[in-house]
Protein backbone atom coordinates (compact mmCIF):
# COMPACT_ATOMS: atom_id res chain seq x y z
CA MET A 1 -81.24 -38.73 75.70
CA THR A 2 -78.32 -36.12 76.73
CA ILE A 3 -77.04 -33.15 75.24
CA LYS A 4 -73.47 -34.91 74.89
CA ARG A 5 -74.67 -38.05 73.24
CA ILE A 6 -76.59 -35.49 70.73
CA ILE A 7 -73.20 -34.39 70.00
CA ILE A 8 -71.67 -37.51 69.59
CA ASP A 9 -74.58 -38.35 66.97
CA TYR A 10 -74.39 -35.36 65.41
CA LEU A 11 -70.51 -35.62 64.73
CA ALA A 12 -71.07 -39.26 64.06
CA ALA A 13 -73.45 -38.40 61.59
CA ARG A 14 -70.84 -36.27 59.29
CA PRO A 15 -67.77 -38.37 59.20
CA ASP A 16 -66.27 -36.16 56.14
CA GLU A 17 -66.70 -32.66 58.18
CA MET A 18 -63.55 -31.85 60.10
CA ALA A 19 -64.81 -28.62 61.80
CA PHE A 20 -67.96 -27.35 63.33
CA LEU A 21 -69.66 -24.31 64.70
CA ARG A 22 -71.34 -23.40 67.86
CA THR A 23 -74.14 -22.13 66.10
CA GLU A 24 -74.39 -26.18 64.67
CA PHE A 25 -75.06 -27.18 68.72
CA ALA A 26 -77.37 -23.96 69.45
CA GLY A 27 -80.85 -25.63 69.17
CA ILE A 28 -79.89 -28.83 71.17
CA GLY A 29 -80.40 -27.21 74.54
CA SER A 30 -79.82 -24.37 76.72
CA ARG A 31 -76.32 -22.70 76.40
CA SER A 32 -75.18 -23.28 80.07
CA GLY A 33 -75.92 -27.43 79.06
CA VAL A 34 -74.31 -27.18 75.48
CA ASP A 35 -71.51 -26.12 76.47
CA TYR A 36 -70.82 -27.92 79.23
CA ALA A 37 -71.22 -30.89 77.00
CA ILE A 38 -68.61 -29.55 74.66
CA CYS A 39 -66.34 -28.49 77.10
CA LYS A 40 -66.85 -32.40 78.67
CA LEU A 41 -65.98 -33.68 74.88
CA ILE A 42 -62.59 -30.97 74.62
CA ALA A 43 -61.59 -32.58 78.11
CA GLU A 44 -62.01 -36.25 76.56
CA GLY A 45 -60.48 -35.26 73.36
CA VAL A 46 -63.21 -35.53 70.79
CA LEU A 47 -63.13 -31.53 69.80
CA ILE A 48 -60.54 -29.04 70.40
CA ARG A 49 -61.33 -25.41 69.90
CA GLY A 50 -60.18 -24.06 66.50
CA GLY A 51 -60.95 -20.07 67.11
CA TRP A 52 -63.81 -18.43 68.56
CA GLY A 53 -67.26 -20.27 68.16
CA VAL A 54 -64.95 -22.77 66.18
CA LEU A 55 -64.90 -26.64 66.59
CA VAL A 56 -62.16 -29.12 65.46
CA ARG A 57 -62.32 -33.10 65.50
CA ALA A 58 -58.96 -34.09 67.67
CA ARG A 59 -56.87 -36.53 66.90
CA PHE A 60 -54.19 -37.59 70.18
CA ASN A 61 -50.44 -36.95 68.73
CA ASP A 62 -48.41 -39.52 70.10
CA THR A 63 -45.25 -37.58 69.54
CA PHE A 64 -46.46 -35.04 71.38
CA ASN A 65 -48.80 -36.28 74.18
CA VAL A 66 -51.59 -33.68 73.50
CA PHE A 67 -54.60 -33.82 70.99
CA SER A 68 -54.68 -31.61 68.11
CA PRO A 69 -56.65 -30.97 64.69
CA ALA A 70 -57.51 -34.26 63.13
CA VAL A 71 -56.78 -31.56 59.95
CA SER A 72 -54.60 -28.94 58.93
CA ALA A 73 -55.55 -25.43 60.38
CA GLY A 74 -55.35 -24.90 56.28
CA VAL A 75 -58.19 -27.68 55.63
CA PHE A 76 -60.39 -26.34 58.35
CA ALA A 77 -59.69 -22.92 57.71
CA GLU A 78 -61.72 -23.38 54.25
CA GLU A 79 -64.75 -25.48 56.03
CA VAL A 80 -65.17 -23.09 58.39
CA LEU A 81 -65.63 -20.22 56.12
CA ARG A 82 -67.56 -22.12 53.63
CA LYS A 83 -70.21 -22.53 56.50
CA LEU A 84 -69.61 -18.83 57.33
CA GLY A 85 -70.90 -18.04 54.07
CA VAL A 86 -67.30 -16.44 53.35
CA GLU A 87 -66.32 -15.91 49.69
CA TRP A 88 -62.53 -16.59 50.00
CA GLN A 89 -59.67 -16.72 47.43
CA PHE A 90 -56.01 -17.09 47.33
CA ASP A 91 -53.63 -15.07 46.19
CA TYR A 92 -50.82 -17.14 43.49
CA THR A 93 -47.88 -14.52 43.27
CA GLU A 94 -45.53 -16.47 45.81
CA ILE A 95 -46.63 -19.87 44.19
CA ASN A 96 -46.53 -19.02 40.78
CA ALA A 97 -42.80 -17.60 40.66
CA TYR A 98 -41.69 -20.73 42.90
CA ARG A 99 -42.84 -22.88 39.85
CA ALA A 100 -41.62 -20.05 37.05
CA HIS A 101 -38.41 -20.56 38.94
CA LYS A 102 -37.75 -17.23 39.84
CA SER A 103 -37.98 -17.73 43.26
CA THR A 104 -36.76 -20.41 45.63
CA GLN A 105 -38.86 -19.43 48.38
CA ILE A 106 -41.30 -22.70 49.66
CA VAL A 107 -44.94 -20.81 50.22
CA VAL A 108 -45.67 -22.50 53.66
CA ARG A 109 -49.22 -20.16 54.73
CA GLN A 110 -50.97 -18.57 51.75
CA PRO A 111 -53.47 -15.86 52.81
CA TYR A 112 -57.26 -15.61 52.26
CA TYR A 113 -57.99 -12.73 50.85
CA VAL A 114 -61.89 -11.98 51.66
CA GLY A 115 -62.95 -9.31 49.21
CA LYS A 116 -64.98 -6.30 50.79
CA SER A 117 -65.90 -8.90 53.40
CA ARG A 118 -65.34 -7.44 56.82
CA PHE A 119 -64.54 -10.95 58.08
CA GLY A 120 -62.38 -10.58 61.58
CA ARG A 121 -62.73 -13.66 63.34
CA LYS A 122 -59.62 -15.42 64.02
CA ILE A 123 -59.61 -19.60 62.54
CA GLY A 124 -56.16 -21.85 63.94
CA TYR A 125 -54.58 -24.03 66.36
CA ASN A 126 -51.93 -23.11 68.86
CA LYS A 127 -49.57 -20.56 67.08
CA VAL A 128 -50.91 -21.30 63.70
CA LEU A 129 -53.29 -19.22 62.65
CA ILE A 130 -54.59 -18.01 58.97
CA THR A 131 -53.79 -14.69 58.02
CA VAL A 132 -57.26 -13.41 56.34
CA LEU A 133 -56.50 -10.09 54.18
CA ARG A 134 -59.28 -7.48 52.93
CA GLY A 135 -59.35 -6.91 48.74
CA TYR A 136 -58.61 -8.87 46.73
CA PRO A 137 -55.25 -11.22 44.87
CA SER A 138 -52.68 -9.80 42.60
CA GLU A 139 -52.95 -13.08 40.73
CA PRO A 140 -55.74 -15.80 41.27
CA GLU A 141 -55.11 -18.29 38.79
CA LEU A 142 -52.26 -21.10 39.00
CA ILE A 143 -49.81 -21.56 36.51
CA ASP A 144 -48.26 -24.62 35.42
CA TRP A 145 -45.34 -26.28 36.40
CA GLN A 146 -42.49 -24.43 34.04
CA PRO A 147 -39.86 -27.32 33.11
CA TYR A 148 -36.11 -26.01 34.31
CA PRO A 149 -34.88 -22.92 31.16
CA GLU A 150 -31.72 -24.71 29.01
CA TRP A 151 -28.52 -23.82 30.65
CA ASP A 152 -26.33 -20.72 29.56
CA GLU A 153 -22.39 -21.05 28.99
CA ASN A 154 -21.50 -20.56 32.53
CA GLY A 155 -23.82 -23.46 33.87
CA ASP A 156 -26.19 -20.76 35.11
CA PRO A 157 -30.15 -22.14 34.72
CA TRP A 158 -31.72 -18.69 35.17
CA GLY A 159 -28.47 -16.72 33.51
CA ASN A 160 -27.62 -14.77 36.30
CA ASP A 161 -23.48 -13.83 36.38
């Protein structure tokens, strides 16, 4: 059985996993043989690179006629961080401000706080990279959605004049 076939079987045995580390395929064969098989799978559109040593399942994007990750960068980044054994947390400051109607800014990308870990790997695809910050979040808990406050006499729900 070829190295490429072994990698395909490995991927088929794990349908729920979207991200894979290069080290997961290290014991299959020689380094150059595994690299060659991975390059072939990338060329065929089975996998794409999601960072240094990170491979992600691919799907064909009809809009742009290219292969892209089967899941978003945030989803496969969480899986990669879990596989690498990195403890991480979100900072919910911006989301809590939005949910409490103190801000109208919708949070697009949440930074990942990794504590005192020296994690420095770039994870993402194209220009969408996750933001990894050292330290601990100021608001680690997500608040419930707050109903709109009562309208004041000027018709402003936030009491601004």
